[in-house]
C-alpha atoms as a PDB file:
ATOM      1  CA  MET A   1     122.227 118.113  45.612  1.00  0.00           C
ATOM      2  CA  ILE A   2     123.881 118.115  48.993  1.00  0.00           C
ATOM      3  CA  SER A   3     126.619 115.739  47.885  1.00  0.00           C
ATOM      4  CA  CYS A   4     127.294 117.959  44.860  1.00  0.00           C
ATOM      5  CA  TYR A   5     127.752 121.097  46.955  1.00  0.00           C
ATOM      6  CA  HIS A   6     131.128 122.539  47.913  1.00  0.00           C
ATOM      7  CA  PRO A   7     131.463 123.243  51.684  1.00  0.00           C
ATOM      8  CA  ASN A   8     131.431 126.985  50.831  1.00  0.00           C
ATOM      9  CA  ILE A   9     128.325 126.803  48.628  1.00  0.00           C
ATOM     10  CA  THR A  10     126.296 129.947  47.965  1.00  0.00           C
ATOM     11  CA  PHE A  11     122.707 129.284  46.887  1.00  0.00           C
ATOM     12  CA  GLU A  12     120.185 131.888  45.776  1.00  0.00           C
ATOM     13  CA  ASP A  13     116.588 131.799  44.615  1.00  0.00           C
ATOM     14  CA  PRO A  14     113.515 134.066  44.810  1.00  0.00           C
ATOM     15  CA  ALA A  15     111.906 132.117  47.678  1.00  0.00           C
ATOM     16  CA  PHE A  16     114.868 131.863  50.089  1.00  0.00           C
ATOM     17  CA  GLY A  17     117.180 134.630  48.943  1.00  0.00           C
ATOM     18  CA  VAL A  18     120.845 133.867  49.622  1.00  0.00           C
ATOM     19  CA  LEU A  19     121.843 130.803  51.664  1.00  0.00           C
ATOM     20  CA  ILE A  20     125.457 129.929  52.438  1.00  0.00           C
ATOM     21  CA  GLY A  21     127.137 126.656  53.410  1.00  0.00           C
ATOM     22  CA  GLU A  22     125.179 124.358  55.698  1.00  0.00           C
ATOM     23  CA  ASN A  23     122.062 126.521  55.376  1.00  0.00           C
ATOM     24  CA  ALA A  24     121.900 125.761  51.647  1.00  0.00           C
ATOM     25  CA  LYS A  25     122.308 122.041  52.316  1.00  0.00           C
ATOM     26  CA  SER A  26     119.706 122.074  55.080  1.00  0.00           C
ATOM     27  CA  MET A  27     117.242 123.819  52.774  1.00  0.00           C
ATOM     28  CA  TRP A  28     117.261 120.782  50.460  1.00  0.00           C
ATOM     29  CA  GLN A  29     116.813 118.411  53.397  1.00  0.00           C
ATOM     30  CA  MET A  30     113.917 120.492  54.723  1.00  0.00           C
ATOM     31  CA  LEU A  31     112.173 120.664  51.347  1.00  0.00           C
ATOM     32  CA  CYS A  32     112.506 116.933  50.733  1.00  0.00           C
ATOM     33  CA  ASP A  33     111.521 115.993  54.313  1.00  0.00           C
ATOM     34  CA  SER A  34     108.414 118.173  54.123  1.00  0.00           C
ATOM     35  CA  GLN A  35     107.255 116.360  50.985  1.00  0.00           C
ATOM     36  CA  LYS A  36     107.841 112.743  52.090  1.00  0.00           C
ATOM     37  CA  GLY A  37     104.871 110.567  51.244  1.00  0.00           C
ATOM     38  CA  LYS A  38     103.276 113.332  49.198  1.00  0.00           C
ATOM     39  CA  ASN A  39     103.053 113.925  45.469  1.00  0.00           C
ATOM     40  CA  PHE A  40     106.497 115.564  45.272  1.00  0.00           C
ATOM     41  CA  ARG A  41     108.214 115.015  41.926  1.00  0.00           C
ATOM     42  CA  ILE A  42     111.229 116.619  40.278  1.00  0.00           C
ATOM     43  CA  THR A  43     112.276 116.392  36.651  1.00  0.00           C
ATOM     44  CA  TYR A  44     115.298 117.941  34.981  1.00  0.00           C
ATOM     45  CA  SER A  45     116.518 118.573  31.439  1.00  0.00           C
ATOM     46  CA  ASN A  46     118.908 120.545  29.234  1.00  0.00           C
ATOM     47  CA  ILE A  47     121.910 119.912  31.455  1.00  0.00           C
ATOM     48  CA  LYS A  48     125.071 121.603  30.179  1.00  0.00           C
ATOM     49  CA  ALA A  49     128.375 121.829  32.012  1.00  0.00           C
ATOM     50  CA  ASN A  50     132.107 122.263  31.657  1.00  0.00           C
ATOM     51  CA  LEU A  51     134.851 122.441  34.290  1.00  0.00           C
ATOM     52  CA  ASN A  52     133.888 125.957  35.388  1.00  0.00           C
ATOM     53  CA  ASP A  53     130.128 126.312  35.121  1.00  0.00           C
ATOM     54  CA  GLY A  54     126.873 124.723  34.119  1.00  0.00           C
ATOM     55  CA  GLU A  55     123.164 125.116  33.743  1.00  0.00           C
ATOM     56  CA  ALA A  56     120.011 123.035  33.798  1.00  0.00           C
ATOM     57  CA  GLN A  57     116.267 123.343  33.771  1.00  0.00           C
ATOM     58  CA  TRP A  58     114.304 121.561  36.443  1.00  0.00           C
ATOM     59  CA  GLU A  59     110.668 121.362  37.385  1.00  0.00           C
ATOM     60  CA  ALA A  60     109.119 120.740  40.777  1.00  0.00           C
ATOM     61  CA  HIS A  61     105.610 119.317  41.077  1.00  0.00           C
ATOM     62  CA  TYR A  62     104.044 119.336  44.544  1.00  0.00           C
ATOM     63  CA  THR A  63     101.128 120.415  46.692  1.00  0.00           C
ATOM     64  CA  PHE A  64     101.794 123.623  48.614  1.00  0.00           C
ATOM     65  CA  SER A  65     101.200 122.633  52.236  1.00  0.00           C
ATOM     66  CA  LYS A  66      99.650 125.904  53.454  1.00  0.00           C
ATOM     67  CA  THR A  67      96.892 126.039  50.812  1.00  0.00           C
ATOM     68  CA  HIS A  68      96.821 122.462  49.446  1.00  0.00           C
ATOM     69  CA  ARG A  69      97.075 123.915  45.936  1.00  0.00           C
ATOM     70  CA  LYS A  70      99.030 122.144  43.187  1.00  0.00           C
ATOM     71  CA  VAL A  71     102.276 123.812  42.090  1.00  0.00           C
ATOM     72  CA  HIS A  72     104.328 123.188  38.972  1.00  0.00           C
ATOM     73  CA  ASN A  73     107.416 125.375  39.281  1.00  0.00           C
ATOM     74  CA  LYS A  74     109.747 125.735  36.282  1.00  0.00           C
ATOM     75  CA  ILE A  75     113.275 126.687  37.315  1.00  0.00           C
ATOM     76  CA  ASN A  76     116.402 127.711  35.408  1.00  0.00           C
ATOM     77  CA  ALA A  77     119.537 126.808  37.367  1.00  0.00           C
ATOM     78  CA  GLN A  78     123.024 128.269  36.909  1.00  0.00           C
ATOM     79  CA  PHE A  79     126.086 126.691  38.524  1.00  0.00           C
ATOM     80  CA  LYS A  80     129.727 127.593  39.149  1.00  0.00           C
ATOM     81  CA  PHE A  81     132.142 124.804  40.061  1.00  0.00           C
ATOM     82  CA  LYS A  82     135.197 124.615  42.305  1.00  0.00           C
ATOM     83  CA  ASP A  83     137.165 121.451  43.092  1.00  0.00           C
ATOM     84  CA  GLY A  84     134.637 119.450  41.070  1.00  0.00           C
ATOM     85  CA  LEU A  85     131.712 120.611  43.247  1.00  0.00           C
ATOM     86  CA  ILE A  86     129.052 123.318  42.974  1.00  0.00           C
ATOM     87  CA  ILE A  87     130.337 126.476  44.684  1.00  0.00           C
ATOM     88  CA  ASN A  88     127.525 128.743  43.444  1.00  0.00           C
ATOM     89  CA  HIS A  89     123.968 127.713  42.580  1.00  0.00           C
ATOM     90  CA  GLN A  90     121.416 130.234  41.404  1.00  0.00           C
ATOM     91  CA  ASP A  91     117.829 129.192  40.703  1.00  0.00           C
ATOM     92  CA  ASN A  92     115.593 131.569  38.784  1.00  0.00           C
ATOM     93  CA  PHE A  93     111.862 131.225  38.384  1.00  0.00           C
ATOM     94  CA  ASN A  94     108.856 133.486  37.958  1.00  0.00           C
ATOM     95  CA  LEU A  95     107.803 134.240  41.523  1.00  0.00           C
ATOM     96  CA  HIS A  96     104.481 135.729  40.410  1.00  0.00           C
ATOM     97  CA  THR A  97     103.585 132.523  38.548  1.00  0.00           C
ATOM     98  CA  TRP A  98     104.565 130.475  41.602  1.00  0.00           C
ATOM     99  CA  ALA A  99     102.489 132.721  43.901  1.00  0.00           C
ATOM    100  CA  LYS A 100      99.393 132.411  41.673  1.00  0.00           C
ATOM    101  CA  GLN A 101      99.679 128.616  41.798  1.00  0.00           C
ATOM    102  CA  ALA A 102     100.504 128.331  45.494  1.00  0.00           C
ATOM    103  CA  LEU A 103      98.226 131.062  46.861  1.00  0.00           C
ATOM    104  CA  GLY A 104      95.510 131.517  44.250  1.00  0.00           C
ATOM    105  CA  PHE A 105      93.849 134.934  43.987  1.00  0.00           C
ATOM    106  CA  LYS A 106      96.005 136.445  46.757  1.00  0.00           C
ATOM    107  CA  GLY A 107      99.129 135.378  44.853  1.00  0.00           C
ATOM    108  CA  LEU A 108      97.730 136.871  41.660  1.00  0.00           C
ATOM    109  CA  LEU A 109      97.289 140.224  43.395  1.00  0.00           C
ATOM    110  CA  ILE A 110     100.531 140.519  45.371  1.00  0.00           C
ATOM    111  CA  GLY A 111     102.875 137.856  43.967  1.00  0.00           C
ATOM    112  CA  SER A 112     104.814 140.273  41.775  1.00  0.00           C
ATOM    113  CA  THR A 113     105.558 142.815  44.520  1.00  0.00           C
ATOM    114  CA  GLY A 114     108.815 143.347  46.346  1.00  0.00           C
ATOM    115  CA  PHE A 115     106.849 143.295  49.600  1.00  0.00           C
ATOM    116  CA  PHE A 116     105.629 139.752  48.867  1.00  0.00           C
ATOM    117  CA  LYS A 117     109.141 138.539  47.986  1.00  0.00           C
ATOM    118  CA  LYS A 118     110.554 140.006  51.207  1.00  0.00           C
ATOM    119  CA  GLN A 119     107.775 138.462  53.320  1.00  0.00           C
ATOM    120  CA  LEU A 120     108.185 135.083  51.627  1.00  0.00           C
ATOM    121  CA  GLN A 121     111.943 135.084  52.233  1.00  0.00           C
ATOM    122  CA  MET A 122     111.378 135.970  55.896  1.00  0.00           C
ATOM    123  CA  GLN A 123     108.933 133.043  56.239  1.00  0.00           C
ATOM    124  CA  THR A 124     111.117 130.511  54.408  1.00  0.00           C
ATOM    125  CA  ASN A 125     114.215 131.500  56.352  1.00  0.00           C
ATOM    126  CA  LYS A 126     112.320 131.256  59.659  1.00  0.00           C
ATOM    127  CA  ALA A 127     111.104 127.776  58.675  1.00  0.00           C
ATOM    128  CA  LEU A 128     114.692 126.827  57.765  1.00  0.00           C
ATOM    129  CA  ARG A 129     116.046 128.072  61.119  1.00  0.00           C
ATOM    130  CA  ASN A 130     113.333 126.110  62.945  1.00  0.00           C
ATOM    131  CA  TYR A 131     114.150 123.008  60.912  1.00  0.00           C
ATOM    132  CA  ILE A 132     117.885 123.296  61.636  1.00  0.00           C
ATOM    133  CA  ASN A 133     117.243 123.841  65.367  1.00  0.00           C
ATOM    134  CA  LYS A 134     114.854 120.880  65.513  1.00  0.00           C
ATOM    135  CA  LYS A 135     117.396 118.679  63.698  1.00  0.00           C
ATOM    136  CA  ALA A 136     120.107 119.693  66.184  1.00  0.00           C
ATOM    137  CA  HIS A 137     118.068 118.447  69.149  1.00  0.00           C
END
């Protein structure tokens, strides 16, 4: 993904919110690094694109590290292109479904709330900042 991204990439999804530029690229590195040697698997399908935009479906299969629960996340991706690269990438998935898989009963209860989404984005962005700072040293 990183090599497909324009330097001015804007990425958005329910878990991270909006990430711009190097933060979006670092997110992919962090996610892949955190799953090395684990049961991380990605599949994709229904790829459609023209010179201006595109879309795809992709699925992530992994074990959520905090709870050791299996997750199968189904994502719809939308892309805008500039200079032959992705300038805008928006991933959409059902956050409540993800929360039920990743967190179990707690996710079932609170996974559809705005409070949960805000807390999750705060946690994922903190983890991303820590990852970027660690990589810089």
